[in-house]
Amino acid sequence: VAKRHRGAATMSESAISTTIINWVNSLPDARARKVHQSALAGKGEPDIDACIAGRCVKIETKQIAGNTPTRLQVQVLAEWRRAGAVAIWATSLAGVKEQLAEHGIHR
């Protein structure tokens, strides 16, 4: 479950994703990209694909204004977790950093 963080209330979901992607790509041992929905990507897939220090990371982003993942998005995140990925959702970069630390990915 993502924790809400102040300060991101006016950011769009797209801006939150961009901030997270830019941060991940600034790390020396990481790569991230935006997932664009398509017939191949499938519905419910997380917004961001990343690999950080050899760990597969899937991130669903939401605006802080009370949005939460859909039932399908929660299900897809759970499927990624069962496959061994770190699969999270967050409303801010701070939330991503906090959750990654909880999974032993310290940045």
N, C-alpha and C. Protein backbone atom coordinates (compact mmCIF):
# COMPACT_ATOMS: atom_id res chain seq x y z
N VAL A 1 0.85 -1.18 0.00
CA VAL A 1 0.00 0.00 0.00
C VAL A 1 0.89 1.24 0.00
N ALA A 2 0.60 2.15 -0.87
CA ALA A 2 1.39 3.38 -0.95
C ALA A 2 1.02 4.30 0.19
N LYS A 3 1.99 5.07 0.60
CA LYS A 3 1.74 6.08 1.61
C LYS A 3 1.61 7.42 0.91
N ARG A 4 0.71 8.24 1.37
CA ARG A 4 0.49 9.55 0.77
C ARG A 4 1.57 10.52 1.24
N HIS A 5 2.04 11.35 0.36
CA HIS A 5 3.05 12.34 0.68
C HIS A 5 2.57 13.71 0.27
N ARG A 6 2.77 14.68 1.13
CA ARG A 6 2.36 16.05 0.83
C ARG A 6 3.29 16.65 -0.22
N GLY A 7 2.79 17.67 -0.90
CA GLY A 7 3.62 18.39 -1.84
C GLY A 7 3.38 18.00 -3.28
N ALA A 8 2.75 16.88 -3.53
CA ALA A 8 2.54 16.43 -4.90
C ALA A 8 1.08 16.60 -5.32
N ALA A 9 0.29 17.27 -4.51
CA ALA A 9 -1.16 17.35 -4.74
C ALA A 9 -1.52 17.95 -6.09
N THR A 10 -0.70 18.85 -6.61
CA THR A 10 -1.05 19.49 -7.87
C THR A 10 -0.39 18.83 -9.07
N MET A 11 0.43 17.84 -8.87
CA MET A 11 1.11 17.17 -9.98
C MET A 11 0.16 16.21 -10.67
N SER A 12 0.23 16.16 -11.99
CA SER A 12 -0.55 15.19 -12.74
C SER A 12 0.10 13.82 -12.60
N GLU A 13 -0.65 12.79 -12.91
CA GLU A 13 -0.10 11.44 -12.86
C GLU A 13 1.08 11.32 -13.83
N SER A 14 0.97 11.93 -14.99
CA SER A 14 2.04 11.91 -15.98
C SER A 14 3.30 12.58 -15.42
N ALA A 15 3.14 13.72 -14.74
CA ALA A 15 4.29 14.42 -14.17
C ALA A 15 4.94 13.60 -13.06
N ILE A 16 4.13 12.92 -12.26
CA ILE A 16 4.66 12.05 -11.21
C ILE A 16 5.48 10.93 -11.84
N SER A 17 4.94 10.29 -12.89
CA SER A 17 5.66 9.22 -13.59
C SER A 17 6.98 9.73 -14.15
N THR A 18 6.96 10.89 -14.79
CA THR A 18 8.17 11.46 -15.37
C THR A 18 9.22 11.72 -14.31
N THR A 19 8.81 12.25 -13.17
CA THR A 19 9.74 12.51 -12.07
C THR A 19 10.39 11.22 -11.60
N ILE A 20 9.60 10.17 -11.45
CA ILE A 20 10.11 8.87 -10.99
C ILE A 20 11.06 8.29 -12.03
N ILE A 21 10.67 8.31 -13.29
CA ILE A 21 11.51 7.77 -14.36
C ILE A 21 12.84 8.51 -14.43
N ASN A 22 12.80 9.84 -14.37
CA ASN A 22 14.04 10.62 -14.42
C ASN A 22 14.95 10.29 -13.24
N TRP A 23 14.38 10.12 -12.07
CA TRP A 23 15.18 9.77 -10.90
C TRP A 23 15.83 8.39 -11.08
N VAL A 24 15.03 7.40 -11.47
CA VAL A 24 15.59 6.05 -11.67
C VAL A 24 16.71 6.09 -12.70
N ASN A 25 16.47 6.78 -13.82
CA ASN A 25 17.48 6.83 -14.88
C ASN A 25 18.73 7.62 -14.48
N SER A 26 18.65 8.39 -13.39
CA SER A 26 19.84 9.10 -12.91
C SER A 26 20.74 8.21 -12.07
N LEU A 27 20.24 7.06 -11.67
CA LEU A 27 21.03 6.13 -10.86
C LEU A 27 22.01 5.39 -11.76
N PRO A 28 23.21 5.08 -11.26
CA PRO A 28 24.22 4.44 -12.11
C PRO A 28 23.89 3.00 -12.50
N ASP A 29 23.07 2.32 -11.72
CA ASP A 29 22.80 0.90 -11.96
C ASP A 29 21.31 0.65 -12.20
N ALA A 30 20.68 1.57 -12.94
CA ALA A 30 19.22 1.45 -13.10
C ALA A 30 18.77 1.96 -14.47
N ARG A 31 17.58 1.50 -14.84
CA ARG A 31 16.95 1.93 -16.09
C ARG A 31 15.45 1.86 -15.90
N ALA A 32 14.74 2.88 -16.40
CA ALA A 32 13.27 2.91 -16.31
C ALA A 32 12.69 3.46 -17.60
N ARG A 33 11.45 3.05 -17.87
CA ARG A 33 10.73 3.56 -19.03
C ARG A 33 9.24 3.57 -18.74
N LYS A 34 8.54 4.44 -19.44
CA LYS A 34 7.08 4.54 -19.36
C LYS A 34 6.49 3.38 -20.15
N VAL A 35 5.47 2.76 -19.61
CA VAL A 35 4.74 1.71 -20.32
C VAL A 35 3.52 2.36 -20.96
N HIS A 36 3.44 2.27 -22.26
CA HIS A 36 2.29 2.82 -22.97
C HIS A 36 1.31 1.69 -23.22
N GLN A 37 0.07 1.91 -22.85
CA GLN A 37 -0.95 0.88 -23.01
C GLN A 37 -1.14 0.55 -24.50
N SER A 38 -1.18 -0.73 -24.79
CA SER A 38 -1.40 -1.20 -26.15
C SER A 38 -1.94 -2.62 -26.06
N ALA A 39 -2.24 -3.18 -27.21
CA ALA A 39 -2.72 -4.57 -27.24
C ALA A 39 -1.65 -5.50 -26.68
N LEU A 40 -0.38 -5.17 -26.88
CA LEU A 40 0.71 -6.01 -26.38
C LEU A 40 0.97 -5.81 -24.89
N ALA A 41 0.85 -4.59 -24.42
CA ALA A 41 1.13 -4.31 -23.01
C ALA A 41 0.03 -4.85 -22.11
N GLY A 42 -1.20 -4.87 -22.60
CA GLY A 42 -2.30 -5.39 -21.81
C GLY A 42 -2.84 -4.38 -20.82
N LYS A 43 -4.12 -4.52 -20.52
CA LYS A 43 -4.76 -3.62 -19.56
C LYS A 43 -4.25 -3.92 -18.16
N GLY A 44 -4.17 -2.86 -17.37
CA GLY A 44 -3.80 -3.01 -15.97
C GLY A 44 -2.31 -3.05 -15.70
N GLU A 45 -1.49 -3.01 -16.74
CA GLU A 45 -0.05 -3.06 -16.52
C GLU A 45 0.42 -1.79 -15.82
N PRO A 46 1.41 -1.90 -14.93
CA PRO A 46 1.92 -0.72 -14.23
C PRO A 46 2.48 0.31 -15.20
N ASP A 47 2.49 1.57 -14.77
CA ASP A 47 2.91 2.69 -15.61
C ASP A 47 4.41 2.69 -15.93
N ILE A 48 5.21 2.14 -15.04
CA ILE A 48 6.67 2.22 -15.19
C ILE A 48 7.29 0.84 -15.06
N ASP A 49 8.16 0.51 -16.04
CA ASP A 49 9.02 -0.67 -15.97
C ASP A 49 10.39 -0.18 -15.56
N ALA A 50 11.01 -0.83 -14.60
CA ALA A 50 12.35 -0.44 -14.18
C ALA A 50 13.16 -1.66 -13.76
N CYS A 51 14.45 -1.48 -13.80
CA CYS A 51 15.39 -2.44 -13.23
C CYS A 51 16.38 -1.62 -12.42
N ILE A 52 16.48 -1.91 -11.14
CA ILE A 52 17.37 -1.17 -10.25
C ILE A 52 18.27 -2.18 -9.55
N ALA A 53 19.56 -2.05 -9.81
CA ALA A 53 20.55 -2.94 -9.20
C ALA A 53 20.18 -4.42 -9.40
N GLY A 54 19.71 -4.72 -10.60
CA GLY A 54 19.37 -6.10 -10.93
C GLY A 54 18.00 -6.56 -10.48
N ARG A 55 17.22 -5.69 -9.85
CA ARG A 55 15.88 -6.04 -9.38
C ARG A 55 14.84 -5.50 -10.34
N CYS A 56 13.91 -6.35 -10.73
CA CYS A 56 12.79 -5.94 -11.57
C CYS A 56 11.80 -5.16 -10.72
N VAL A 57 11.46 -3.94 -11.17
CA VAL A 57 10.56 -3.07 -10.41
C VAL A 57 9.44 -2.61 -11.33
N LYS A 58 8.21 -2.74 -10.87
CA LYS A 58 7.01 -2.28 -11.58
C LYS A 58 6.32 -1.25 -10.70
N ILE A 59 6.02 -0.09 -11.29
CA ILE A 59 5.44 1.00 -10.49
C ILE A 59 4.18 1.53 -11.15
N GLU A 60 3.10 1.51 -10.41
CA GLU A 60 1.85 2.15 -10.82
C GLU A 60 1.82 3.51 -10.14
N THR A 61 1.56 4.57 -10.90
CA THR A 61 1.50 5.91 -10.31
C THR A 61 0.07 6.40 -10.27
N LYS A 62 -0.23 7.16 -9.23
CA LYS A 62 -1.55 7.75 -9.05
C LYS A 62 -1.39 9.16 -8.53
N GLN A 63 -2.35 10.01 -8.85
CA GLN A 63 -2.37 11.35 -8.27
C GLN A 63 -2.70 11.22 -6.79
N ILE A 64 -2.21 12.14 -6.01
CA ILE A 64 -2.43 12.08 -4.57
C ILE A 64 -3.88 12.31 -4.18
N ALA A 65 -4.65 12.92 -5.06
CA ALA A 65 -6.02 13.33 -4.74
C ALA A 65 -6.97 12.14 -4.57
N GLY A 66 -6.61 11.20 -3.72
CA GLY A 66 -7.51 10.10 -3.37
C GLY A 66 -7.59 8.98 -4.38
N ASN A 67 -6.82 9.04 -5.44
CA ASN A 67 -6.86 7.96 -6.43
C ASN A 67 -6.12 6.74 -5.90
N THR A 68 -6.65 5.58 -6.21
CA THR A 68 -6.00 4.32 -5.88
C THR A 68 -6.05 3.43 -7.11
N PRO A 69 -5.21 2.40 -7.17
CA PRO A 69 -5.25 1.51 -8.33
C PRO A 69 -6.61 0.83 -8.47
N THR A 70 -6.96 0.52 -9.70
CA THR A 70 -8.18 -0.22 -9.96
C THR A 70 -8.00 -1.66 -9.49
N ARG A 71 -9.09 -2.35 -9.41
CA ARG A 71 -9.03 -3.78 -9.03
C ARG A 71 -8.10 -4.55 -9.98
N LEU A 72 -8.20 -4.27 -11.28
CA LEU A 72 -7.34 -4.94 -12.26
C LEU A 72 -5.87 -4.59 -12.02
N GLN A 73 -5.57 -3.32 -11.75
CA GLN A 73 -4.19 -2.91 -11.49
C GLN A 73 -3.63 -3.59 -10.25
N VAL A 74 -4.44 -3.71 -9.21
CA VAL A 74 -4.02 -4.41 -7.99
C VAL A 74 -3.71 -5.86 -8.31
N GLN A 75 -4.56 -6.48 -9.11
CA GLN A 75 -4.36 -7.88 -9.51
C GLN A 75 -3.07 -8.05 -10.30
N VAL A 76 -2.82 -7.15 -11.25
CA VAL A 76 -1.61 -7.25 -12.07
C VAL A 76 -0.36 -7.03 -11.22
N LEU A 77 -0.40 -6.06 -10.30
CA LEU A 77 0.74 -5.86 -9.39
C LEU A 77 1.01 -7.13 -8.58
N ALA A 78 -0.05 -7.78 -8.12
CA ALA A 78 0.10 -9.03 -7.35
C ALA A 78 0.72 -10.13 -8.21
N GLU A 79 0.33 -10.19 -9.48
CA GLU A 79 0.91 -11.19 -10.40
C GLU A 79 2.41 -10.94 -10.57
N TRP A 80 2.81 -9.68 -10.70
CA TRP A 80 4.23 -9.35 -10.82
C TRP A 80 4.97 -9.72 -9.53
N ARG A 81 4.34 -9.49 -8.38
CA ARG A 81 4.98 -9.87 -7.10
C ARG A 81 5.19 -11.38 -7.03
N ARG A 82 4.18 -12.13 -7.44
CA ARG A 82 4.31 -13.60 -7.42
C ARG A 82 5.45 -14.07 -8.33
N ALA A 83 5.73 -13.30 -9.39
CA ALA A 83 6.81 -13.65 -10.31
C ALA A 83 8.17 -13.18 -9.79
N GLY A 84 8.19 -12.48 -8.65
CA GLY A 84 9.44 -12.06 -8.04
C GLY A 84 9.80 -10.59 -8.19
N ALA A 85 8.95 -9.82 -8.86
CA ALA A 85 9.23 -8.39 -9.03
C ALA A 85 8.86 -7.60 -7.78
N VAL A 86 9.47 -6.46 -7.63
CA VAL A 86 9.03 -5.47 -6.66
C VAL A 86 7.95 -4.69 -7.39
N ALA A 87 6.72 -4.84 -6.98
CA ALA A 87 5.58 -4.22 -7.66
C ALA A 87 4.83 -3.34 -6.67
N ILE A 88 4.87 -2.03 -6.93
CA ILE A 88 4.35 -1.05 -5.97
C ILE A 88 3.48 -0.03 -6.69
N TRP A 89 2.75 0.74 -5.90
CA TRP A 89 2.08 1.93 -6.44
C TRP A 89 2.37 3.07 -5.50
N ALA A 90 2.44 4.27 -6.08
CA ALA A 90 2.81 5.43 -5.29
C ALA A 90 2.23 6.70 -5.89
N THR A 91 2.19 7.73 -5.05
CA THR A 91 1.69 9.03 -5.48
C THR A 91 2.79 10.07 -5.57
N SER A 92 4.05 9.66 -5.30
CA SER A 92 5.16 10.61 -5.33
C SER A 92 6.48 9.85 -5.41
N LEU A 93 7.53 10.60 -5.77
CA LEU A 93 8.87 10.03 -5.77
C LEU A 93 9.26 9.62 -4.35
N ALA A 94 8.90 10.43 -3.37
CA ALA A 94 9.21 10.08 -1.97
C ALA A 94 8.58 8.74 -1.60
N GLY A 95 7.36 8.50 -2.05
CA GLY A 95 6.69 7.23 -1.79
C GLY A 95 7.41 6.06 -2.44
N VAL A 96 7.91 6.26 -3.65
CA VAL A 96 8.66 5.21 -4.34
C VAL A 96 9.94 4.91 -3.58
N LYS A 97 10.68 5.96 -3.22
CA LYS A 97 11.94 5.76 -2.49
C LYS A 97 11.71 5.00 -1.19
N GLU A 98 10.66 5.38 -0.47
CA GLU A 98 10.34 4.71 0.80
C GLU A 98 10.03 3.23 0.59
N GLN A 99 9.21 2.94 -0.40
CA GLN A 99 8.84 1.54 -0.64
C GLN A 99 10.01 0.72 -1.17
N LEU A 100 10.85 1.31 -2.01
CA LEU A 100 12.04 0.59 -2.48
C LEU A 100 12.96 0.26 -1.31
N ALA A 101 13.10 1.19 -0.37
CA ALA A 101 13.92 0.93 0.83
C ALA A 101 13.34 -0.22 1.63
N GLU A 102 12.02 -0.31 1.69
CA GLU A 102 11.37 -1.42 2.40
C GLU A 102 11.65 -2.76 1.74
N HIS A 103 12.00 -2.73 0.44
CA HIS A 103 12.34 -3.95 -0.30
C HIS A 103 13.86 -4.14 -0.41
N GLY A 104 14.61 -3.37 0.37
CA GLY A 104 16.05 -3.52 0.37
C GLY A 104 16.76 -2.83 -0.78
N ILE A 105 16.07 -1.98 -1.49
CA ILE A 105 16.70 -1.21 -2.57
C ILE A 105 16.90 0.20 -2.02
N HIS A 106 18.09 0.47 -1.54
CA HIS A 106 18.38 1.74 -0.87
C HIS A 106 19.01 2.72 -1.83
N ARG A 107 18.44 3.89 -1.93
CA ARG A 107 18.95 4.94 -2.82
C ARG A 107 18.87 6.25 -2.11
